[in-house]
C-alpha atoms as a PDB file:
ATOM      1  CA  MET A   1      23.472   2.131  12.504  1.00  0.00           C
ATOM      2  CA  SER A   2      19.741   2.182  12.774  1.00  0.00           C
ATOM      3  CA  ALA A   3      17.756   4.833  10.404  1.00  0.00           C
ATOM      4  CA  GLU A   4      16.121   7.577  12.177  1.00  0.00           C
ATOM      5  CA  ARG A   5      12.890   6.675  10.274  1.00  0.00           C
ATOM      6  CA  ALA A   6      12.013   3.562   8.279  1.00  0.00           C
ATOM      7  CA  ALA A   7       9.419   2.260   6.166  1.00  0.00           C
ATOM      8  CA  ILE A   8       8.063  -0.902   4.467  1.00  0.00           C
ATOM      9  CA  VAL A   9       6.256  -0.607   1.030  1.00  0.00           C
ATOM     10  CA  THR A  10       4.600  -3.713  -0.648  1.00  0.00           C
ATOM     11  CA  GLY A  11       3.928  -3.894  -4.216  1.00  0.00           C
ATOM     12  CA  ALA A  12       6.697  -1.658  -4.497  1.00  0.00           C
ATOM     13  CA  SER A  13       8.362  -2.670  -7.942  1.00  0.00           C
ATOM     14  CA  SER A  14       6.126  -0.129 -10.191  1.00  0.00           C
ATOM     15  CA  GLY A  15       2.976   2.082 -10.195  1.00  0.00           C
ATOM     16  CA  ILE A  16       1.759   3.452  -7.033  1.00  0.00           C
ATOM     17  CA  GLY A  17       4.156   1.392  -4.696  1.00  0.00           C
ATOM     18  CA  LEU A  18       7.236   2.647  -6.348  1.00  0.00           C
ATOM     19  CA  ALA A  19       5.963   6.229  -6.474  1.00  0.00           C
ATOM     20  CA  ILE A  20       5.180   6.009  -2.798  1.00  0.00           C
ATOM     21  CA  ALA A  21       8.542   4.613  -2.201  1.00  0.00           C
ATOM     22  CA  ARG A  22      10.266   7.504  -3.885  1.00  0.00           C
ATOM     23  CA  VAL A  23       8.440   9.999  -1.940  1.00  0.00           C
ATOM     24  CA  LEU A  24       9.333   8.103   1.258  1.00  0.00           C
ATOM     25  CA  ALA A  25      13.061   7.962   0.318  1.00  0.00           C
ATOM     26  CA  GLU A  26      12.892  11.924  -0.475  1.00  0.00           C
ATOM     27  CA  GLU A  27      11.324  12.347   2.939  1.00  0.00           C
ATOM     28  CA  GLY A  28      14.232  10.682   4.511  1.00  0.00           C
ATOM     29  CA  PHE A  29      13.038   7.241   5.182  1.00  0.00           C
ATOM     30  CA  ALA A  30      15.153   4.061   4.944  1.00  0.00           C
ATOM     31  CA  LEU A  31      13.189   1.524   2.863  1.00  0.00           C
ATOM     32  CA  THR A  32      12.296  -1.983   2.702  1.00  0.00           C
ATOM     33  CA  MET A  33      10.627  -2.682  -0.671  1.00  0.00           C
ATOM     34  CA  ALA A  34       8.712  -5.736  -1.348  1.00  0.00           C
ATOM     35  CA  ALA A  35       7.113  -7.398  -4.615  1.00  0.00           C
ATOM     36  CA  ARG A  36       6.595 -10.805  -5.978  1.00  0.00           C
ATOM     37  CA  ARG A  37       8.902 -10.609  -8.913  1.00  0.00           C
ATOM     38  CA  PRO A  38      12.583 -10.348  -8.069  1.00  0.00           C
ATOM     39  CA  GLU A  39      13.956  -9.163 -11.268  1.00  0.00           C
ATOM     40  CA  LYS A  40      11.463  -6.301 -11.585  1.00  0.00           C
ATOM     41  CA  LEU A  41      11.859  -5.407  -7.605  1.00  0.00           C
ATOM     42  CA  ASP A  42      15.545  -5.456  -8.104  1.00  0.00           C
ATOM     43  CA  ALA A  43      15.541  -2.942 -11.012  1.00  0.00           C
ATOM     44  CA  ALA A  44      13.288  -0.577  -8.923  1.00  0.00           C
ATOM     45  CA  VAL A  45      15.388  -0.670  -5.847  1.00  0.00           C
ATOM     46  CA  ALA A  46      18.455  -0.112  -8.102  1.00  0.00           C
ATOM     47  CA  GLY A  47      16.913   2.988  -9.330  1.00  0.00           C
ATOM     48  CA  LEU A  48      16.450   4.573  -5.831  1.00  0.00           C
ATOM     49  CA  ALA A  49      19.757   3.286  -4.543  1.00  0.00           C
ATOM     50  CA  ALA A  50      21.374   4.844  -7.558  1.00  0.00           C
ATOM     51  CA  ASP A  51      20.096   8.370  -6.278  1.00  0.00           C
ATOM     52  CA  GLY A  52      21.870   7.638  -3.043  1.00  0.00           C
ATOM     53  CA  PHE A  53      18.564   6.186  -0.871  1.00  0.00           C
ATOM     54  CA  ASP A  54      18.834   3.650   1.719  1.00  0.00           C
ATOM     55  CA  VAL A  55      16.576   0.797   0.167  1.00  0.00           C
ATOM     56  CA  GLN A  56      16.631  -3.023   0.339  1.00  0.00           C
ATOM     57  CA  ALA A  57      14.639  -5.545  -1.761  1.00  0.00           C
ATOM     58  CA  VAL A  58      12.722  -8.423  -0.295  1.00  0.00           C
ATOM     59  CA  ALA A  59      11.019 -10.541  -3.100  1.00  0.00           C
ATOM     60  CA  ALA A  60       7.909 -12.199  -1.622  1.00  0.00           C
ATOM     61  CA  ASN A  61       4.386 -13.405  -2.478  1.00  0.00           C
ATOM     62  CA  ILE A  62       2.400 -11.768   0.264  1.00  0.00           C
ATOM     63  CA  ALA A  63      -0.483 -14.332  -0.237  1.00  0.00           C
ATOM     64  CA  ASP A  64       1.686 -16.299   2.072  1.00  0.00           C
ATOM     65  CA  GLU A  65       1.806 -15.743   5.714  1.00  0.00           C
ATOM     66  CA  ALA A  66       5.373 -17.153   6.065  1.00  0.00           C
ATOM     67  CA  GLU A  67       6.421 -14.755   3.180  1.00  0.00           C
ATOM     68  CA  ILE A  68       4.799 -11.764   4.884  1.00  0.00           C
ATOM     69  CA  GLN A  69       6.818 -12.527   8.339  1.00  0.00           C
ATOM     70  CA  LYS A  70       9.971 -12.742   5.986  1.00  0.00           C
ATOM     71  CA  VAL A  71       9.706  -9.417   4.726  1.00  0.00           C
ATOM     72  CA  VAL A  72       8.989  -7.990   8.384  1.00  0.00           C
ATOM     73  CA  GLU A  73      11.990  -9.729   9.771  1.00  0.00           C
ATOM     74  CA  ALA A  74      14.221  -8.611   6.961  1.00  0.00           C
ATOM     75  CA  HIS A  75      13.109  -5.126   7.782  1.00  0.00           C
ATOM     76  CA  ARG A  76      13.533  -5.681  11.392  1.00  0.00           C
ATOM     77  CA  ALA A  77      17.116  -6.909  11.104  1.00  0.00           C
ATOM     78  CA  ARG A  78      18.206  -4.102   8.833  1.00  0.00           C
ATOM     79  CA  HIS A  79      16.533  -1.165  10.310  1.00  0.00           C
ATOM     80  CA  GLY A  80      15.235  -2.002  13.794  1.00  0.00           C
ATOM     81  CA  ARG A  81      12.165   0.329  13.712  1.00  0.00           C
ATOM     82  CA  LEU A  82       9.136   1.007  11.626  1.00  0.00           C
ATOM     83  CA  ASP A  83       7.334   4.593  11.248  1.00  0.00           C
ATOM     84  CA  VAL A  84       5.504   4.050   8.294  1.00  0.00           C
ATOM     85  CA  LEU A  85       3.820   0.865   6.550  1.00  0.00           C
ATOM     86  CA  VAL A  86       2.441   0.837   3.038  1.00  0.00           C
ATOM     87  CA  ASN A  87       0.106  -1.848   2.269  1.00  0.00           C
ATOM     88  CA  ASN A  88      -0.174  -1.281  -1.490  1.00  0.00           C
ATOM     89  CA  ALA A  89       0.280  -4.853  -3.137  1.00  0.00           C
ATOM     90  CA  GLY A  90      -2.968  -5.623  -4.923  1.00  0.00           C
ATOM     91  CA  VAL A  91      -4.532  -7.854  -7.653  1.00  0.00           C
ATOM     92  CA  GLY A  92      -7.666  -7.565  -9.660  1.00  0.00           C
ATOM     93  CA  VAL A  93      -9.240 -10.205 -11.785  1.00  0.00           C
ATOM     94  CA  GLY A  94     -12.512  -9.723 -13.464  1.00  0.00           C
ATOM     95  CA  ALA A  95     -15.345 -12.186 -13.825  1.00  0.00           C
ATOM     96  CA  THR A  96     -19.176 -12.265 -13.867  1.00  0.00           C
ATOM     97  CA  VAL A  97     -20.535 -14.045 -10.763  1.00  0.00           C
ATOM     98  CA  ALA A  98     -21.274 -17.230 -12.800  1.00  0.00           C
ATOM     99  CA  GLU A  99     -17.498 -17.418 -13.736  1.00  0.00           C
ATOM    100  CA  ILE A 100     -15.818 -16.695 -10.465  1.00  0.00           C
ATOM    101  CA  GLN A 101     -13.087 -19.265 -10.099  1.00  0.00           C
ATOM    102  CA  THR A 102     -12.251 -20.169  -6.579  1.00  0.00           C
ATOM    103  CA  LYS A 103      -8.386 -20.123  -6.963  1.00  0.00           C
ATOM    104  CA  ARG A 104      -8.676 -16.534  -8.355  1.00  0.00           C
ATOM    105  CA  LEU A 105     -11.328 -15.444  -5.558  1.00  0.00           C
ATOM    106  CA  ASP A 106      -8.885 -16.547  -2.984  1.00  0.00           C
ATOM    107  CA  MET A 107      -5.863 -14.896  -4.511  1.00  0.00           C
ATOM    108  CA  GLN A 108      -7.734 -11.433  -4.623  1.00  0.00           C
ATOM    109  CA  LEU A 109      -9.004 -11.853  -0.927  1.00  0.00           C
ATOM    110  CA  ASP A 110      -5.565 -12.934   0.253  1.00  0.00           C
ATOM    111  CA  ILE A 111      -3.621 -10.205  -1.458  1.00  0.00           C
ATOM    112  CA  ASN A 112      -5.930  -7.520  -1.317  1.00  0.00           C
ATOM    113  CA  LEU A 113      -7.098  -7.796   2.199  1.00  0.00           C
ATOM    114  CA  ARG A 114      -5.752 -10.775   4.249  1.00  0.00           C
ATOM    115  CA  SER A 115      -2.104  -9.523   3.782  1.00  0.00           C
ATOM    116  CA  ILE A 116      -2.998  -6.167   5.256  1.00  0.00           C
ATOM    117  CA  ILE A 117      -4.441  -7.949   8.308  1.00  0.00           C
ATOM    118  CA  LEU A 118      -1.378  -9.849   8.611  1.00  0.00           C
ATOM    119  CA  PHE A 119       1.231  -6.948   8.063  1.00  0.00           C
ATOM    120  CA  TYR A 120      -0.537  -5.221  10.927  1.00  0.00           C
ATOM    121  CA  ARG A 121      -0.255  -8.166  13.435  1.00  0.00           C
ATOM    122  CA  GLU A 122       3.246  -8.690  12.404  1.00  0.00           C
ATOM    123  CA  CYS A 123       4.487  -5.125  12.571  1.00  0.00           C
ATOM    124  CA  ILE A 124       2.405  -3.778  15.497  1.00  0.00           C
ATOM    125  CA  GLY A 125       5.207  -4.035  18.196  1.00  0.00           C
ATOM    126  CA  MET A 126       7.576  -1.962  15.889  1.00  0.00           C
ATOM    127  CA  LEU A 127       4.544   0.564  15.192  1.00  0.00           C
ATOM    128  CA  ARG A 128       3.893   0.780  18.866  1.00  0.00           C
ATOM    129  CA  GLU A 129       7.446   1.276  19.661  1.00  0.00           C
ATOM    130  CA  ALA A 130       7.752   4.065  17.186  1.00  0.00           C
ATOM    131  CA  ALA A 131       4.500   5.523  18.151  1.00  0.00           C
ATOM    132  CA  ALA A 132       5.554   5.785  21.739  1.00  0.00           C
ATOM    133  CA  GLU A 133       8.444   7.842  20.673  1.00  0.00           C
ATOM    134  CA  HIS A 134       6.637  10.338  18.374  1.00  0.00           C
ATOM    135  CA  LYS A 135       2.966   9.748  18.221  1.00  0.00           C
ATOM    136  CA  ASN A 136       2.887  10.093  14.477  1.00  0.00           C
ATOM    137  CA  VAL A 137       3.182   6.559  12.987  1.00  0.00           C
ATOM    138  CA  LEU A 138       1.308   6.087   9.716  1.00  0.00           C
ATOM    139  CA  VAL A 139      -0.126   3.063   7.788  1.00  0.00           C
ATOM    140  CA  VAL A 140      -1.251   3.659   4.464  1.00  0.00           C
ATOM    141  CA  ASN A 141      -3.708   0.939   2.900  1.00  0.00           C
ATOM    142  CA  THR A 142      -4.386   1.104  -0.842  1.00  0.00           C
ATOM    143  CA  SER A 143      -7.940   0.582  -1.558  1.00  0.00           C
ATOM    144  CA  SER A 144      -9.718   1.781  -4.493  1.00  0.00           C
ATOM    145  CA  ILE A 145     -12.651   3.637  -5.678  1.00  0.00           C
ATOM    146  CA  SER A 146     -14.142   0.368  -6.049  1.00  0.00           C
ATOM    147  CA  GLY A 147     -13.875   0.145  -2.244  1.00  0.00           C
ATOM    148  CA  LYS A 148     -16.425   3.107  -2.118  1.00  0.00           C
ATOM    149  CA  HIS A 149     -18.909   1.949  -4.762  1.00  0.00           C
ATOM    150  CA  GLY A 150     -19.458  -1.813  -5.777  1.00  0.00           C
ATOM    151  CA  GLU A 151     -18.505  -2.569  -9.413  1.00  0.00           C
ATOM    152  CA  ALA A 152     -19.990  -5.067 -11.803  1.00  0.00           C
ATOM    153  CA  TRP A 153     -17.464  -7.725 -13.119  1.00  0.00           C
ATOM    154  CA  LEU A 154     -14.963  -6.591 -10.613  1.00  0.00           C
ATOM    155  CA  SER A 155     -17.109  -7.838  -7.704  1.00  0.00           C
ATOM    156  CA  VAL A 156     -14.494  -9.804  -5.695  1.00  0.00           C
ATOM    157  CA  TYR A 157     -12.044  -6.949  -6.198  1.00  0.00           C
ATOM    158  CA  SER A 158     -14.504  -4.362  -4.847  1.00  0.00           C
ATOM    159  CA  ALA A 159     -15.566  -6.644  -1.999  1.00  0.00           C
ATOM    160  CA  ALA A 160     -11.942  -6.956  -0.870  1.00  0.00           C
ATOM    161  CA  LYS A 161     -11.345  -3.058  -1.235  1.00  0.00           C
ATOM    162  CA  HIS A 162     -14.535  -2.329   0.608  1.00  0.00           C
ATOM    163  CA  GLY A 163     -12.942  -4.569   3.455  1.00  0.00           C
ATOM    164  CA  VAL A 164      -9.805  -2.532   3.241  1.00  0.00           C
ATOM    165  CA  VAL A 165     -11.822   0.583   3.964  1.00  0.00           C
ATOM    166  CA  GLY A 166     -13.469  -0.973   6.800  1.00  0.00           C
ATOM    167  CA  TRP A 167     -10.343  -2.342   8.178  1.00  0.00           C
ATOM    168  CA  THR A 168      -8.749   0.908   8.176  1.00  0.00           C
ATOM    169  CA  GLU A 169     -11.740   2.452  10.145  1.00  0.00           C
ATOM    170  CA  SER A 170     -11.357  -0.225  12.604  1.00  0.00           C
ATOM    171  CA  MET A 171      -7.708   0.349  13.048  1.00  0.00           C
ATOM    172  CA  ASN A 172      -8.044   4.044  13.553  1.00  0.00           C
ATOM    173  CA  LYS A 173     -10.640   3.196  16.499  1.00  0.00           C
ATOM    174  CA  GLU A 174      -8.209   0.704  17.887  1.00  0.00           C
ATOM    175  CA  LEU A 175      -4.911   2.346  17.386  1.00  0.00           C
ATOM    176  CA  GLY A 176      -5.339   6.034  16.699  1.00  0.00           C
ATOM    177  CA  ALA A 177      -5.131   6.965  20.473  1.00  0.00           C
ATOM    178  CA  GLU A 178      -1.883   5.439  20.569  1.00  0.00           C
ATOM    179  CA  GLY A 179      -0.321   7.501  17.817  1.00  0.00           C
ATOM    180  CA  ILE A 180      -0.836   4.953  14.993  1.00  0.00           C
ATOM    181  CA  LYS A 181      -2.754   6.527  12.064  1.00  0.00           C
ATOM    182  CA  SER A 182      -4.329   4.556   9.153  1.00  0.00           C
ATOM    183  CA  THR A 183      -5.385   5.992   5.817  1.00  0.00           C
ATOM    184  CA  ALA A 184      -7.062   4.274   2.889  1.00  0.00           C
ATOM    185  CA  LEU A 185      -6.264   5.503  -0.575  1.00  0.00           C
ATOM    186  CA  CYS A 186      -9.150   5.048  -2.770  1.00  0.00           C
ATOM    187  CA  PRO A 187      -8.140   5.798  -6.548  1.00  0.00           C
ATOM    188  CA  ALA A 188     -10.135   5.619  -9.603  1.00  0.00           C
ATOM    189  CA  PHE A 189      -7.917   4.563 -12.797  1.00  0.00           C
ATOM    190  CA  VAL A 190      -4.262   5.052 -12.218  1.00  0.00           C
ATOM    191  CA  ASP A 191      -1.851   4.847 -15.236  1.00  0.00           C
ATOM    192  CA  THR A 192      -0.272   1.599 -13.986  1.00  0.00           C
ATOM    193  CA  PRO A 193       0.379  -1.960 -15.475  1.00  0.00           C
ATOM    194  CA  MET A 194      -3.004  -2.944 -13.360  1.00  0.00           C
ATOM    195  CA  THR A 195      -4.997  -0.852 -15.379  1.00  0.00           C
ATOM    196  CA  ASP A 196      -3.775  -1.974 -19.031  1.00  0.00           C
ATOM    197  CA  PHE A 197      -7.014  -3.956 -19.274  1.00  0.00           C
ATOM    198  CA  VAL A 198      -9.228  -0.812 -19.616  1.00  0.00           C
ATOM    199  CA  LYS A 199      -6.553   1.253 -21.570  1.00  0.00           C
ATOM    200  CA  GLU A 200      -8.416   0.666 -25.011  1.00  0.00           C
ATOM    201  CA  HIS A 201     -11.405   2.472 -23.406  1.00  0.00           C
ATOM    202  CA  VAL A 202      -9.616   5.008 -21.363  1.00  0.00           C
ATOM    203  CA  ALA A 203      -6.427   6.556 -22.607  1.00  0.00           C
ATOM    204  CA  PRO A 204      -3.343   6.334 -20.263  1.00  0.00           C
ATOM    205  CA  GLU A 205      -2.583  10.184 -20.503  1.00  0.00           C
ATOM    206  CA  ASP A 206      -6.294  10.699 -19.197  1.00  0.00           C
ATOM    207  CA  MET A 207      -5.692   8.527 -16.101  1.00  0.00           C
ATOM    208  CA  ILE A 208      -4.520   9.604 -12.404  1.00  0.00           C
ATOM    209  CA  ARG A 209      -0.658   9.541 -12.152  1.00  0.00           C
ATOM    210  CA  PRO A 210       1.074   7.334  -9.699  1.00  0.00           C
ATOM    211  CA  GLU A 211       2.876  10.485  -8.530  1.00  0.00           C
ATOM    212  CA  ASP A 212      -0.674  11.968  -7.798  1.00  0.00           C
ATOM    213  CA  ILE A 213      -1.112   9.244  -5.282  1.00  0.00           C
ATOM    214  CA  ALA A 214       2.306   9.332  -3.921  1.00  0.00           C
ATOM    215  CA  GLU A 215       2.050  13.317  -2.987  1.00  0.00           C
ATOM    216  CA  SER A 216      -0.905  12.403  -0.805  1.00  0.00           C
ATOM    217  CA  VAL A 217       1.571  10.359   1.220  1.00  0.00           C
ATOM    218  CA  ARG A 218       3.849  13.157   1.747  1.00  0.00           C
ATOM    219  CA  PHE A 219       0.943  15.196   2.762  1.00  0.00           C
ATOM    220  CA  LEU A 220       0.024  12.503   5.300  1.00  0.00           C
ATOM    221  CA  LEU A 221       3.520  12.595   6.738  1.00  0.00           C
ATOM    222  CA  ARG A 222       3.336  16.356   7.242  1.00  0.00           C
ATOM    223  CA  VAL A 223       0.120  16.575   9.289  1.00  0.00           C
ATOM    224  CA  SER A 224       0.359  16.817  13.184  1.00  0.00           C
ATOM    225  CA  PRO A 225      -0.413  14.106  15.559  1.00  0.00           C
ATOM    226  CA  ALA A 226      -3.567  15.575  16.308  1.00  0.00           C
ATOM    227  CA  CYS A 227      -4.913  15.102  12.862  1.00  0.00           C
ATOM    228  CA  ILE A 228      -5.978  11.543  11.388  1.00  0.00           C
ATOM    229  CA  VAL A 229      -7.043  11.430   7.734  1.00  0.00           C
ATOM    230  CA  PRO A 230      -9.242   8.030   7.385  1.00  0.00           C
ATOM    231  CA  GLU A 231      -9.224   8.133   3.502  1.00  0.00           C
ATOM    232  CA  VAL A 232      -8.302   9.915   0.496  1.00  0.00           C
ATOM    233  CA  THR A 233     -10.476   9.582  -2.709  1.00  0.00           C
ATOM    234  CA  PHE A 234      -9.001  10.366  -6.029  1.00  0.00           C
ATOM    235  CA  VAL A 235     -11.280  10.696  -9.279  1.00  0.00           C
ATOM    236  CA  ARG A 236     -10.683  11.865 -12.737  1.00  0.00           C
ATOM    237  CA  PRO A 237     -12.348  15.030 -14.236  1.00  0.00           C
ATOM    238  CA  GLY A 238     -16.024  14.276 -15.084  1.00  0.00           C
ATOM    239  CA  ASP A 239     -16.105  11.097 -12.602  1.00  0.00           C
ATOM    240  CA  ALA A 240     -19.217  10.515 -10.515  1.00  0.00           C
ATOM    241  CA  LEU A 241     -18.651  10.661  -6.941  1.00  0.00           C
END
């Protein structure tokens, strides 16, 4: 039997992705959770399944187009519909401009930006079907505060995350009237494994919580079809805007 509402979450094995997956499950969504490392993803999915939620794991490297298609097809086969898409998977590699390695450049562009574009393309049929039904489809794209203000050393990451904001704006113009809303989430430092590199300078307890980001998705699910929220910015006390 198909779920009444279903969602895909990428980068779902920990951090922001896992926190968003839990919120969606609590809100009644059946889930397909995707991430690169099978053992980590399986543990995350088992935790949600133990709480009685309808979840499946699809291990995938979303830098690969065929792997993206695998995630979408697995979701379609199990759930048959898609009401929420969360493009959360991301990777950041710091380097000065003189030290940028092409392999790491391509990896950041592929995962942080290209994969989002491909997920929209592969999911648009299911998203349009759901929008025709209830006019309140949601696509959440995880950007960063670095997608609002360029950062030295994280220049490639910042460029990709700026691209996420621009893509999100374009999708609202292209798809918003159909009932498909897009929101870019732009957080400052969040206490996840991805920010381990900075934790000697910023204590984890002083960072934004993954649950703070996830609660914004609960809010986005509740606003009416007449309201699109193009982006949400999250900063720490004292951060410059």
